[in-house]
PDB file of all heavy atoms in Angstrom:
ATOM      1  N   ASN A   1     -27.426 -33.743 -22.893  1.00  0.00           N
ATOM      2  CA  ASN A   1     -27.658 -34.950 -23.705  1.00  0.00           C
ATOM      3  C   ASN A   1     -26.406 -35.775 -23.763  1.00  0.00           C
ATOM      4  O   ASN A   1     -26.419 -37.026 -23.670  1.00  0.00           O
ATOM      5  CB  ASN A   1     -28.123 -34.562 -25.100  1.00  0.00           C
ATOM      6  CG  ASN A   1     -29.560 -34.105 -25.131  1.00  0.00           C
ATOM      7  OD1 ASN A   1     -30.371 -34.559 -24.318  1.00  0.00           O
ATOM      8  ND2 ASN A   1     -29.895 -33.188 -25.999  1.00  0.00           N
ATOM      9  N   MET A   2     -25.265 -35.113 -23.948  1.00  0.00           N
ATOM     10  CA  MET A   2     -23.991 -35.818 -24.046  1.00  0.00           C
ATOM     11  C   MET A   2     -23.628 -36.533 -22.771  1.00  0.00           C
ATOM     12  O   MET A   2     -23.170 -37.653 -22.761  1.00  0.00           O
ATOM     13  CB  MET A   2     -22.898 -34.819 -24.455  1.00  0.00           C
ATOM     14  CG  MET A   2     -21.507 -35.470 -24.643  1.00  0.00           C
ATOM     15  SD  MET A   2     -21.488 -36.701 -25.931  1.00  0.00           S
ATOM     16  CE  MET A   2     -21.775 -35.629 -27.361  1.00  0.00           C
ATOM     17  N   LEU A   3     -23.889 -35.850 -21.614  1.00  0.00           N
ATOM     18  CA  LEU A   3     -23.520 -36.495 -20.343  1.00  0.00           C
ATOM     19  C   LEU A   3     -24.381 -37.732 -20.091  1.00  0.00           C
ATOM     20  O   LEU A   3     -23.873 -38.704 -19.563  1.00  0.00           O
ATOM     21  CB  LEU A   3     -23.726 -35.478 -19.218  1.00  0.00           C
ATOM     22  CG  LEU A   3     -23.360 -35.912 -17.828  1.00  0.00           C
ATOM     23  CD1 LEU A   3     -21.903 -36.370 -17.752  1.00  0.00           C
ATOM     24  CD2 LEU A   3     -23.579 -34.841 -16.776  1.00  0.00           C
ATOM     25  N   GLU A   4     -25.668 -37.691 -20.456  1.00  0.00           N
ATOM     26  CA  GLU A   4     -26.517 -38.853 -20.266  1.00  0.00           C
ATOM     27  C   GLU A   4     -26.014 -40.025 -21.128  1.00  0.00           C
ATOM     28  O   GLU A   4     -26.035 -41.179 -20.695  1.00  0.00           O
ATOM     29  CB  GLU A   4     -27.951 -38.516 -20.620  1.00  0.00           C
ATOM     30  CG  GLU A   4     -28.631 -37.585 -19.599  1.00  0.00           C
ATOM     31  CD  GLU A   4     -30.111 -37.405 -19.860  1.00  0.00           C
ATOM     32  OE1 GLU A   4     -30.616 -38.090 -20.792  1.00  0.00           O
ATOM     33  OE2 GLU A   4     -30.736 -36.600 -19.189  1.00  0.00           O
ATOM     34  N   LYS A   5     -25.566 -39.719 -22.319  1.00  0.00           N
ATOM     35  CA  LYS A   5     -25.056 -40.785 -23.189  1.00  0.00           C
ATOM     36  C   LYS A   5     -23.730 -41.336 -22.675  1.00  0.00           C
ATOM     37  O   LYS A   5     -23.499 -42.542 -22.700  1.00  0.00           O
ATOM     38  CB  LYS A   5     -24.885 -40.232 -24.628  1.00  0.00           C
ATOM     39  CG  LYS A   5     -26.182 -39.855 -25.310  1.00  0.00           C
ATOM     40  CD  LYS A   5     -25.935 -39.303 -26.686  1.00  0.00           C
ATOM     41  CE  LYS A   5     -27.216 -38.937 -27.386  1.00  0.00           C
ATOM     42  NZ  LYS A   5     -27.016 -38.354 -28.697  1.00  0.00           N
ATOM     43  N   LEU A   6     -22.843 -40.451 -22.156  1.00  0.00           N
ATOM     44  CA  LEU A   6     -21.546 -40.938 -21.673  1.00  0.00           C
ATOM     45  C   LEU A   6     -21.741 -41.725 -20.356  1.00  0.00           C
ATOM     46  O   LEU A   6     -20.940 -42.653 -20.095  1.00  0.00           O
ATOM     47  CB  LEU A   6     -20.614 -39.716 -21.425  1.00  0.00           C
ATOM     48  CG  LEU A   6     -20.166 -38.988 -22.677  1.00  0.00           C
ATOM     49  CD1 LEU A   6     -19.342 -37.747 -22.316  1.00  0.00           C
ATOM     50  CD2 LEU A   6     -19.370 -39.876 -23.600  1.00  0.00           C
ATOM     51  N   THR A   7     -22.741 -41.350 -19.580  1.00  0.00           N
ATOM     52  CA  THR A   7     -22.926 -42.046 -18.310  1.00  0.00           C
ATOM     53  C   THR A   7     -23.272 -43.518 -18.528  1.00  0.00           C
ATOM     54  O   THR A   7     -22.951 -44.383 -17.718  1.00  0.00           O
ATOM     55  CB  THR A   7     -24.077 -41.362 -17.526  1.00  0.00           C
ATOM     56  OG1 THR A   7     -23.730 -39.985 -17.306  1.00  0.00           O
ATOM     57  CG2 THR A   7     -24.235 -42.010 -16.168  1.00  0.00           C
ATOM     58  N   ARG A   8     -23.903 -43.829 -19.639  1.00  0.00           N
ATOM     59  CA  ARG A   8     -24.245 -45.207 -19.941  1.00  0.00           C
ATOM     60  C   ARG A   8     -23.033 -46.086 -20.172  1.00  0.00           C
ATOM     61  O   ARG A   8     -23.099 -47.320 -20.015  1.00  0.00           O
ATOM     62  CB  ARG A   8     -25.169 -45.298 -21.165  1.00  0.00           C
ATOM     63  CG  ARG A   8     -26.496 -44.577 -21.020  1.00  0.00           C
ATOM     64  CD  ARG A   8     -27.317 -44.630 -22.282  1.00  0.00           C
ATOM     65  NE  ARG A   8     -28.556 -43.869 -22.208  1.00  0.00           N
ATOM     66  CZ  ARG A   8     -29.694 -44.321 -21.735  1.00  0.00           C
ATOM     67  NH1 ARG A   8     -29.775 -45.580 -21.353  1.00  0.00           N
ATOM     68  NH2 ARG A   8     -30.798 -43.539 -21.702  1.00  0.00           N
ATOM     69  N   VAL A   9     -21.939 -45.484 -20.572  1.00  0.00           N
ATOM     70  CA  VAL A   9     -20.724 -46.239 -20.813  1.00  0.00           C
ATOM     71  C   VAL A   9     -19.607 -45.963 -19.796  1.00  0.00           C
ATOM     72  O   VAL A   9     -18.427 -46.102 -20.062  1.00  0.00           O
ATOM     73  CB  VAL A   9     -20.206 -45.962 -22.262  1.00  0.00           C
ATOM     74  CG1 VAL A   9     -21.170 -46.438 -23.289  1.00  0.00           C
ATOM     75  CG2 VAL A   9     -19.936 -44.446 -22.443  1.00  0.00           C
ATOM     76  N   LEU A  10     -20.000 -45.496 -18.624  1.00  0.00           N
ATOM     77  CA  LEU A  10     -19.075 -45.199 -17.537  1.00  0.00           C
ATOM     78  C   LEU A  10     -18.345 -46.465 -17.123  1.00  0.00           C
ATOM     79  O   LEU A  10     -18.969 -47.497 -16.866  1.00  0.00           O
ATOM     80  CB  LEU A  10     -19.777 -44.565 -16.370  1.00  0.00           C
ATOM     81  CG  LEU A  10     -18.990 -43.808 -15.336  1.00  0.00           C
ATOM     82  CD1 LEU A  10     -18.414 -42.533 -15.923  1.00  0.00           C
ATOM     83  CD2 LEU A  10     -19.858 -43.456 -14.142  1.00  0.00           C
ATOM     84  N   LYS A  11     -17.028 -46.429 -17.054  1.00  0.00           N
ATOM     85  CA  LYS A  11     -16.244 -47.621 -16.716  1.00  0.00           C
ATOM     86  C   LYS A  11     -15.024 -47.240 -15.879  1.00  0.00           C
ATOM     87  O   LYS A  11     -14.544 -46.105 -15.839  1.00  0.00           O
ATOM     88  CB  LYS A  11     -15.827 -48.405 -17.937  1.00  0.00           C
ATOM     89  CG  LYS A  11     -15.069 -47.577 -18.976  1.00  0.00           C
ATOM     90  CD  LYS A  11     -14.859 -48.388 -20.235  1.00  0.00           C
ATOM     91  CE  LYS A  11     -14.149 -47.547 -21.314  1.00  0.00           C
ATOM     92  NZ  LYS A  11     -13.920 -48.357 -22.560  1.00  0.00           N
ATOM     93  N   LEU A  12     -14.476 -48.242 -15.205  1.00  0.00           N
ATOM     94  CA  LEU A  12     -13.312 -48.049 -14.313  1.00  0.00           C
ATOM     95  C   LEU A  12     -12.108 -47.669 -15.099  1.00  0.00           C
ATOM     96  O   LEU A  12     -11.756 -48.324 -16.121  1.00  0.00           O
ATOM     97  CB  LEU A  12     -13.104 -49.310 -13.501  1.00  0.00           C
ATOM     98  CG  LEU A  12     -11.937 -49.284 -12.506  1.00  0.00           C
ATOM     99  CD1 LEU A  12     -12.174 -48.240 -11.468  1.00  0.00           C
ATOM    100  CD2 LEU A  12     -11.768 -50.674 -11.887  1.00  0.00           C
ATOM    101  N   LYS A  13     -11.382 -46.650 -14.647  1.00  0.00           N
ATOM    102  CA  LYS A  13     -10.155 -46.190 -15.297  1.00  0.00           C
ATOM    103  C   LYS A  13      -8.948 -46.287 -14.419  1.00  0.00           C
ATOM    104  O   LYS A  13      -7.854 -46.617 -14.901  1.00  0.00           O
ATOM    105  CB  LYS A  13     -10.357 -44.740 -15.749  1.00  0.00           C
ATOM    106  CG  LYS A  13      -9.133 -44.206 -16.490  1.00  0.00           C
ATOM    107  CD  LYS A  13      -9.381 -42.751 -16.936  1.00  0.00           C
ATOM    108  CE  LYS A  13      -8.142 -42.227 -17.687  1.00  0.00           C
ATOM    109  NZ  LYS A  13      -8.340 -40.825 -18.150  1.00  0.00           N
ATOM    110  N   GLN A  14      -9.074 -46.125 -13.093  1.00  0.00           N
ATOM    111  CA  GLN A  14      -7.912 -46.005 -12.237  1.00  0.00           C
ATOM    112  C   GLN A  14      -8.276 -46.395 -10.835  1.00  0.00           C
ATOM    113  O   GLN A  14      -9.418 -46.227 -10.390  1.00  0.00           O
ATOM    114  CB  GLN A  14      -7.338 -44.598 -12.267  1.00  0.00           C
ATOM    115  CG  GLN A  14      -5.956 -44.424 -11.695  1.00  0.00           C
ATOM    116  CD  GLN A  14      -5.483 -42.986 -11.786  1.00  0.00           C
ATOM    117  OE1 GLN A  14      -6.174 -42.115 -12.374  1.00  0.00           O
ATOM    118  NE2 GLN A  14      -4.291 -42.709 -11.282  1.00  0.00           N
ATOM    119  N   LYS A  15      -7.307 -46.905 -10.057  1.00  0.00           N
ATOM    120  CA  LYS A  15      -7.479 -47.214  -8.657  1.00  0.00           C
ATOM    121  C   LYS A  15      -6.417 -46.517  -7.832  1.00  0.00           C
ATOM    122  O   LYS A  15      -5.217 -46.620  -8.123  1.00  0.00           O
ATOM    123  CB  LYS A  15      -7.399 -48.752  -8.455  1.00  0.00           C
ATOM    124  CG  LYS A  15      -7.534 -49.175  -7.009  1.00  0.00           C
ATOM    125  CD  LYS A  15      -7.451 -50.654  -6.891  1.00  0.00           C
ATOM    126  CE  LYS A  15      -7.597 -51.119  -5.392  1.00  0.00           C
ATOM    127  NZ  LYS A  15      -7.461 -52.579  -5.284  1.00  0.00           N
ATOM    128  N   LEU A  16      -6.812 -45.808  -6.779  1.00  0.00           N
ATOM    129  CA  LEU A  16      -5.913 -45.062  -5.887  1.00  0.00           C
ATOM    130  C   LEU A  16      -5.974 -45.657  -4.514  1.00  0.00           C
ATOM    131  O   LEU A  16      -7.067 -45.801  -3.935  1.00  0.00           O
ATOM    132  CB  LEU A  16      -6.317 -43.598  -5.849  1.00  0.00           C
ATOM    133  CG  LEU A  16      -6.420 -42.847  -7.220  1.00  0.00           C
ATOM    134  CD1 LEU A  16      -6.968 -41.485  -7.040  1.00  0.00           C
ATOM    135  CD2 LEU A  16      -5.027 -42.809  -7.863  1.00  0.00           C
ATOM    136  N   THR A  17      -4.833 -46.021  -3.951  1.00  0.00           N
ATOM    137  CA  THR A  17      -4.765 -46.616  -2.581  1.00  0.00           C
ATOM    138  C   THR A  17      -4.516 -45.526  -1.576  1.00  0.00           C
ATOM    139  O   THR A  17      -3.700 -44.647  -1.794  1.00  0.00           O
ATOM    140  CB  THR A  17      -3.665 -47.702  -2.567  1.00  0.00           C
ATOM    141  OG1 THR A  17      -3.883 -48.642  -3.578  1.00  0.00           O
ATOM    142  CG2 THR A  17      -3.671 -48.360  -1.193  1.00  0.00           C
ATOM    143  N   LEU A  18      -5.231 -45.598  -0.437  1.00  0.00           N
ATOM    144  CA  LEU A  18      -5.177 -44.595   0.635  1.00  0.00           C
ATOM    145  C   LEU A  18      -4.449 -45.196   1.832  1.00  0.00           C
ATOM    146  O   LEU A  18      -4.373 -46.395   2.019  1.00  0.00           O
ATOM    147  CB  LEU A  18      -6.568 -44.164   1.047  1.00  0.00           C
ATOM    148  CG  LEU A  18      -7.432 -43.591  -0.075  1.00  0.00           C
ATOM    149  CD1 LEU A  18      -8.841 -43.288   0.456  1.00  0.00           C
ATOM    150  CD2 LEU A  18      -6.843 -42.339  -0.685  1.00  0.00           C
ATOM    151  N   ASP A  19      -3.879 -44.258   2.628  1.00  0.00           N
ATOM    152  CA  ASP A  19      -3.167 -44.652   3.838  1.00  0.00           C
ATOM    153  C   ASP A  19      -3.300 -43.575   4.888  1.00  0.00           C
ATOM    154  O   ASP A  19      -2.537 -42.594   4.897  1.00  0.00           O
ATOM    155  CB  ASP A  19      -1.679 -44.903   3.523  1.00  0.00           C
ATOM    156  CG  ASP A  19      -0.911 -45.493   4.707  1.00  0.00           C
ATOM    157  OD1 ASP A  19      -1.573 -45.841   5.712  1.00  0.00           O
ATOM    158  OD2 ASP A  19       0.300 -45.569   4.621  1.00  0.00           O
ATOM    159  N   PRO A  20      -4.290 -43.692   5.784  1.00  0.00           N
ATOM    160  CA  PRO A  20      -4.458 -42.620   6.776  1.00  0.00           C
ATOM    161  C   PRO A  20      -3.340 -42.582   7.823  1.00  0.00           C
ATOM    162  O   PRO A  20      -3.268 -41.602   8.597  1.00  0.00           O
ATOM    163  CB  PRO A  20      -5.820 -42.966   7.394  1.00  0.00           C
ATOM    164  CG  PRO A  20      -5.958 -44.432   7.180  1.00  0.00           C
ATOM    165  CD  PRO A  20      -5.311 -44.699   5.870  1.00  0.00           C
ATOM    166  N   SER A  21      -2.586 -43.633   8.008  1.00  0.00           N
ATOM    167  CA  SER A  21      -1.544 -43.654   9.039  1.00  0.00           C
ATOM    168  C   SER A  21      -0.156 -43.381   8.441  1.00  0.00           C
ATOM    169  O   SER A  21       0.840 -43.775   9.054  1.00  0.00           O
ATOM    170  CB  SER A  21      -1.518 -45.036   9.708  1.00  0.00           C
ATOM    171  OG  SER A  21      -1.272 -46.048   8.771  1.00  0.00           O
ATOM    172  N   SER A  22      -0.093 -42.680   7.324  1.00  0.00           N
ATOM    173  CA  SER A  22       1.242 -42.419   6.706  1.00  0.00           C
ATOM    174  C   SER A  22       2.023 -41.424   7.573  1.00  0.00           C
ATOM    175  O   SER A  22       3.261 -41.606   7.658  1.00  0.00           O
ATOM    176  CB  SER A  22       1.055 -41.888   5.319  1.00  0.00           C
ATOM    177  OG  SER A  22       0.246 -40.677   5.342  1.00  0.00           O
ATOM    178  N   ASN A  23       1.382 -40.435   8.169  1.00  0.00           N
ATOM    179  CA  ASN A  23       2.105 -39.449   8.957  1.00  0.00           C
ATOM    180  C   ASN A  23       1.835 -39.583  10.463  1.00  0.00           C
ATOM    181  O   ASN A  23       2.608 -39.132  11.282  1.00  0.00           O
ATOM    182  CB  ASN A  23       1.737 -38.050   8.508  1.00  0.00           C
ATOM    183  CG  ASN A  23       2.096 -37.787   7.078  1.00  0.00           C
ATOM    184  OD1 ASN A  23       3.084 -38.299   6.576  1.00  0.00           O
ATOM    185  ND2 ASN A  23       1.307 -36.963   6.393  1.00  0.00           N
ATOM    186  N   ASP A  24       0.784 -40.239  10.809  1.00  0.00           N
ATOM    187  CA  ASP A  24       0.429 -40.369  12.222  1.00  0.00           C
ATOM    188  C   ASP A  24       0.084 -41.845  12.521  1.00  0.00           C
ATOM    189  O   ASP A  24      -0.323 -42.566  11.613  1.00  0.00           O
ATOM    190  CB  ASP A  24      -0.807 -39.475  12.586  1.00  0.00           C
ATOM    191  CG  ASP A  24      -0.527 -37.985  12.332  1.00  0.00           C
ATOM    192  OD1 ASP A  24       0.081 -37.331  13.161  1.00  0.00           O
ATOM    193  OD2 ASP A  24      -0.926 -37.552  11.241  1.00  0.00           O
ATOM    194  N   PHE A  25       0.242 -42.168  13.760  1.00  0.00           N
ATOM    195  CA  PHE A  25      -0.050 -43.560  14.171  1.00  0.00           C
ATOM    196  C   PHE A  25      -1.424 -43.627  14.820  1.00  0.00           C
ATOM    197  O   PHE A  25      -1.700 -42.885  15.766  1.00  0.00           O
ATOM    198  CB  PHE A  25       1.017 -44.100  15.125  1.00  0.00           C
ATOM    199  CG  PHE A  25       0.721 -45.481  15.612  1.00  0.00           C
ATOM    200  CD1 PHE A  25       0.943 -46.565  14.810  1.00  0.00           C
ATOM    201  CD2 PHE A  25       0.184 -45.682  16.883  1.00  0.00           C
ATOM    202  CE1 PHE A  25       0.647 -47.869  15.263  1.00  0.00           C
ATOM    203  CE2 PHE A  25      -0.101 -46.939  17.355  1.00  0.00           C
ATOM    204  CZ  PHE A  25       0.162 -48.062  16.530  1.00  0.00           C
ATOM    205  N   PHE A  26      -2.244 -44.491  14.298  1.00  0.00           N
ATOM    206  CA  PHE A  26      -3.579 -44.683  14.853  1.00  0.00           C
ATOM    207  C   PHE A  26      -3.765 -46.179  15.174  1.00  0.00           C
ATOM    208  O   PHE A  26      -3.288 -47.042  14.451  1.00  0.00           O
ATOM    209  CB  PHE A  26      -4.693 -44.262  13.881  1.00  0.00           C
ATOM    210  CG  PHE A  26      -4.620 -42.809  13.503  1.00  0.00           C
ATOM    211  CD1 PHE A  26      -4.406 -42.390  12.196  1.00  0.00           C
ATOM    212  CD2 PHE A  26      -4.804 -41.818  14.480  1.00  0.00           C
ATOM    213  CE1 PHE A  26      -4.372 -41.056  11.866  1.00  0.00           C
ATOM    214  CE2 PHE A  26      -4.777 -40.482  14.141  1.00  0.00           C
ATOM    215  CZ  PHE A  26      -4.532 -40.094  12.847  1.00  0.00           C
ATOM    216  N   GLU A  27      -4.495 -46.416  16.248  1.00  0.00           N
ATOM    217  CA  GLU A  27      -4.764 -47.789  16.628  1.00  0.00           C
ATOM    218  C   GLU A  27      -5.929 -48.316  15.807  1.00  0.00           C
ATOM    219  O   GLU A  27      -7.064 -48.013  16.023  1.00  0.00           O
ATOM    220  CB  GLU A  27      -5.129 -47.882  18.114  1.00  0.00           C
ATOM    221  CG  GLU A  27      -3.961 -47.470  19.043  1.00  0.00           C
ATOM    222  CD  GLU A  27      -4.406 -47.601  20.520  1.00  0.00           C
ATOM    223  OE1 GLU A  27      -5.550 -47.967  20.744  1.00  0.00           O
ATOM    224  OE2 GLU A  27      -3.565 -47.288  21.378  1.00  0.00           O
ATOM    225  N   MET A  28      -5.592 -49.085  14.791  1.00  0.00           N
ATOM    226  CA  MET A  28      -6.586 -49.657  13.919  1.00  0.00           C
ATOM    227  C   MET A  28      -6.030 -50.874  13.196  1.00  0.00           C
ATOM    228  O   MET A  28      -4.810 -50.923  12.919  1.00  0.00           O
ATOM    229  CB  MET A  28      -7.097 -48.619  12.913  1.00  0.00           C
ATOM    230  CG  MET A  28      -6.037 -48.091  11.964  1.00  0.00           C
ATOM    231  SD  MET A  28      -6.714 -46.916  10.801  1.00  0.00           S
ATOM    232  CE  MET A  28      -5.210 -46.556   9.853  1.00  0.00           C
ATOM    233  N   ASP A  29      -6.873 -51.801  12.924  1.00  0.00           N
ATOM    234  CA  ASP A  29      -6.500 -52.944  12.123  1.00  0.00           C
ATOM    235  C   ASP A  29      -6.939 -52.777  10.686  1.00  0.00           C
ATOM    236  O   ASP A  29      -6.226 -53.170   9.762  1.00  0.00           O
ATOM    237  CB  ASP A  29      -7.117 -54.213  12.717  1.00  0.00           C
ATOM    238  CG  ASP A  29      -6.565 -54.539  14.095  1.00  0.00           C
ATOM    239  OD1 ASP A  29      -5.449 -54.074  14.392  1.00  0.00           O
ATOM    240  OD2 ASP A  29      -7.245 -55.196  14.868  1.00  0.00           O
ATOM    241  N   ARG A  30      -8.128 -52.265  10.490  1.00  0.00           N
ATOM    242  CA  ARG A  30      -8.671 -52.077   9.164  1.00  0.00           C
ATOM    243  C   ARG A  30      -9.373 -50.695   9.082  1.00  0.00           C
ATOM    244  O   ARG A  30      -9.797 -50.164  10.114  1.00  0.00           O
ATOM    245  CB  ARG A  30      -9.655 -53.155   8.791  1.00  0.00           C
ATOM    246  CG  ARG A  30      -9.023 -54.542   8.593  1.00  0.00           C
ATOM    247  CD  ARG A  30     -10.084 -55.531   8.191  1.00  0.00           C
ATOM    248  NE  ARG A  30     -11.153 -55.656   9.155  1.00  0.00           N
ATOM    249  CZ  ARG A  30     -12.394 -56.101   8.870  1.00  0.00           C
ATOM    250  NH1 ARG A  30     -12.692 -56.405   7.649  1.00  0.00           N
ATOM    251  NH2 ARG A  30     -13.290 -56.198   9.811  1.00  0.00           N
ATOM    252  N   PHE A  31      -9.506 -50.207   7.893  1.00  0.00           N
ATOM    253  CA  PHE A  31     -10.252 -48.967   7.678  1.00  0.00           C
ATOM    254  C   PHE A  31     -10.951 -49.058   6.319  1.00  0.00           C
ATOM    255  O   PHE A  31     -10.552 -49.815   5.436  1.00  0.00           O
ATOM    256  CB  PHE A  31      -9.339 -47.753   7.724  1.00  0.00           C
ATOM    257  CG  PHE A  31      -8.340 -47.645   6.604  1.00  0.00           C
ATOM    258  CD1 PHE A  31      -8.639 -46.972   5.454  1.00  0.00           C
ATOM    259  CD2 PHE A  31      -7.112 -48.312   6.698  1.00  0.00           C
ATOM    260  CE1 PHE A  31      -7.722 -46.899   4.410  1.00  0.00           C
ATOM    261  CE2 PHE A  31      -6.183 -48.211   5.691  1.00  0.00           C
ATOM    262  CZ  PHE A  31      -6.478 -47.505   4.543  1.00  0.00           C
ATOM    263  N   SER A  32     -11.977 -48.252   6.178  1.00  0.00           N
ATOM    264  CA  SER A  32     -12.751 -48.241   4.914  1.00  0.00           C
ATOM    265  C   SER A  32     -13.279 -46.812   4.692  1.00  0.00           C
ATOM    266  O   SER A  32     -13.713 -46.134   5.614  1.00  0.00           O
ATOM    267  CB  SER A  32     -13.937 -49.221   5.022  1.00  0.00           C
ATOM    268  OG  SER A  32     -14.687 -49.166   3.821  1.00  0.00           O
ATOM    269  N   VAL A  33     -13.219 -46.365   3.447  1.00  0.00           N
ATOM    270  CA  VAL A  33     -13.685 -45.018   3.072  1.00  0.00           C
ATOM    271  C   VAL A  33     -15.233 -44.990   3.143  1.00  0.00           C
ATOM    272  O   VAL A  33     -15.877 -45.863   2.566  1.00  0.00           O
ATOM    273  CB  VAL A  33     -13.240 -44.649   1.633  1.00  0.00           C
ATOM    274  CG1 VAL A  33     -13.649 -43.238   1.345  1.00  0.00           C
ATOM    275  CG2 VAL A  33     -11.705 -44.847   1.528  1.00  0.00           C
ATOM    276  N   SER A  34     -15.742 -44.002   3.850  1.00  0.00           N
ATOM    277  CA  SER A  34     -17.194 -43.830   3.953  1.00  0.00           C
ATOM    278  C   SER A  34     -17.691 -42.528   3.388  1.00  0.00           C
ATOM    279  O   SER A  34     -18.893 -42.344   3.256  1.00  0.00           O
ATOM    280  CB  SER A  34     -17.658 -43.995   5.419  1.00  0.00           C
ATOM    281  OG  SER A  34     -17.029 -42.985   6.226  1.00  0.00           O
ATOM    282  N   ARG A  35     -16.777 -41.595   3.101  1.00  0.00           N
ATOM    283  CA  ARG A  35     -17.210 -40.314   2.561  1.00  0.00           C
ATOM    284  C   ARG A  35     -16.090 -39.622   1.820  1.00  0.00           C
ATOM    285  O   ARG A  35     -14.925 -39.713   2.232  1.00  0.00           O
ATOM    286  CB  ARG A  35     -17.761 -39.406   3.667  1.00  0.00           C
ATOM    287  CG  ARG A  35     -18.481 -38.177   3.157  1.00  0.00           C
ATOM    288  CD  ARG A  35     -19.461 -37.661   4.144  1.00  0.00           C
ATOM    289  NE  ARG A  35     -20.267 -36.559   3.638  1.00  0.00           N
ATOM    290  CZ  ARG A  35     -21.293 -36.060   4.305  1.00  0.00           C
ATOM    291  NH1 ARG A  35     -21.660 -36.523   5.472  1.00  0.00           N
ATOM    292  NH2 ARG A  35     -21.989 -35.050   3.779  1.00  0.00           N
ATOM    293  N   ILE A  36     -16.404 -38.947   0.723  1.00  0.00           N
ATOM    294  CA  ILE A  36     -15.473 -38.129  -0.048  1.00  0.00           C
ATOM    295  C   ILE A  36     -16.075 -36.755  -0.288  1.00  0.00           C
ATOM    296  O   ILE A  36     -17.205 -36.623  -0.739  1.00  0.00           O
ATOM    297  CB  ILE A  36     -15.172 -38.783  -1.415  1.00  0.00           C
ATOM    298  CG1 ILE A  36     -14.592 -40.189  -1.219  1.00  0.00           C
ATOM    299  CG2 ILE A  36     -14.232 -37.917  -2.249  1.00  0.00           C
ATOM    300  CD1 ILE A  36     -14.418 -40.968  -2.517  1.00  0.00           C
ATOM    301  N   GLU A  37     -15.284 -35.679   0.046  1.00  0.00           N
ATOM    302  CA  GLU A  37     -15.776 -34.324  -0.150  1.00  0.00           C
ATOM    303  C   GLU A  37     -14.632 -33.505  -0.745  1.00  0.00           C
ATOM    304  O   GLU A  37     -13.539 -33.420  -0.211  1.00  0.00           O
ATOM    305  CB  GLU A  37     -16.184 -33.714   1.170  1.00  0.00           C
ATOM    306  CG  GLU A  37     -17.459 -34.274   1.782  1.00  0.00           C
ATOM    307  CD  GLU A  37     -18.697 -33.937   1.001  1.00  0.00           C
ATOM    308  OE1 GLU A  37     -18.658 -32.938   0.248  1.00  0.00           O
ATOM    309  OE2 GLU A  37     -19.675 -34.677   1.105  1.00  0.00           O
ATOM    310  N   PRO A  38     -14.845 -32.898  -1.916  1.00  0.00           N
ATOM    311  CA  PRO A  38     -13.823 -32.043  -2.554  1.00  0.00           C
ATOM    312  C   PRO A  38     -13.909 -30.594  -2.154  1.00  0.00           C
ATOM    313  O   PRO A  38     -14.913 -30.131  -1.633  1.00  0.00           O
ATOM    314  CB  PRO A  38     -14.154 -32.193  -4.057  1.00  0.00           C
ATOM    315  CG  PRO A  38     -15.656 -32.320  -4.081  1.00  0.00           C
ATOM    316  CD  PRO A  38     -16.015 -33.043  -2.823  1.00  0.00           C
ATOM    317  N   ASP A  39     -12.835 -29.855  -2.392  1.00  0.00           N
ATOM    318  CA  ASP A  39     -12.850 -28.407  -2.133  1.00  0.00           C
ATOM    319  C   ASP A  39     -13.471 -27.674  -3.299  1.00  0.00           C
ATOM    320  O   ASP A  39     -13.929 -28.306  -4.268  1.00  0.00           O
ATOM    321  CB  ASP A  39     -11.424 -27.915  -1.815  1.00  0.00           C
ATOM    322  CG  ASP A  39     -10.517 -27.997  -3.032  1.00  0.00           C
ATOM    323  OD1 ASP A  39     -10.894 -28.642  -4.027  1.00  0.00           O
ATOM    324  OD2 ASP A  39      -9.406 -27.417  -2.968  1.00  0.00           O
ATOM    325  N   ALA A  40     -13.458 -26.344  -3.258  1.00  0.00           N
ATOM    326  CA  ALA A  40     -14.127 -25.565  -4.293  1.00  0.00           C
ATOM    327  C   ALA A  40     -13.463 -25.720  -5.657  1.00  0.00           C
ATOM    328  O   ALA A  40     -14.130 -25.621  -6.693  1.00  0.00           O
ATOM    329  CB  ALA A  40     -14.180 -24.095  -3.889  1.00  0.00           C
ATOM    330  N   CYS A  41     -12.181 -25.918  -5.691  1.00  0.00           N
ATOM    331  CA  CYS A  41     -11.453 -26.059  -6.937  1.00  0.00           C
ATOM    332  C   CYS A  41     -11.254 -27.498  -7.370  1.00  0.00           C
ATOM    333  O   CYS A  41     -10.688 -27.769  -8.420  1.00  0.00           O
ATOM    334  CB  CYS A  41     -10.060 -25.403  -6.848  1.00  0.00           C
ATOM    335  SG  CYS A  41     -10.145 -23.639  -6.429  1.00  0.00           S
TER     336      CYS A  41
END
């Protein structure tokens, strides 16, 4: 019940910027996130 009530007021809290070429060089002009998968923890 609490989760359903909190979901109604879900709002943006933070923005995290990604950089896939920080350690390796890839030929690309633009990129966009298409999937997110977490580990068990």
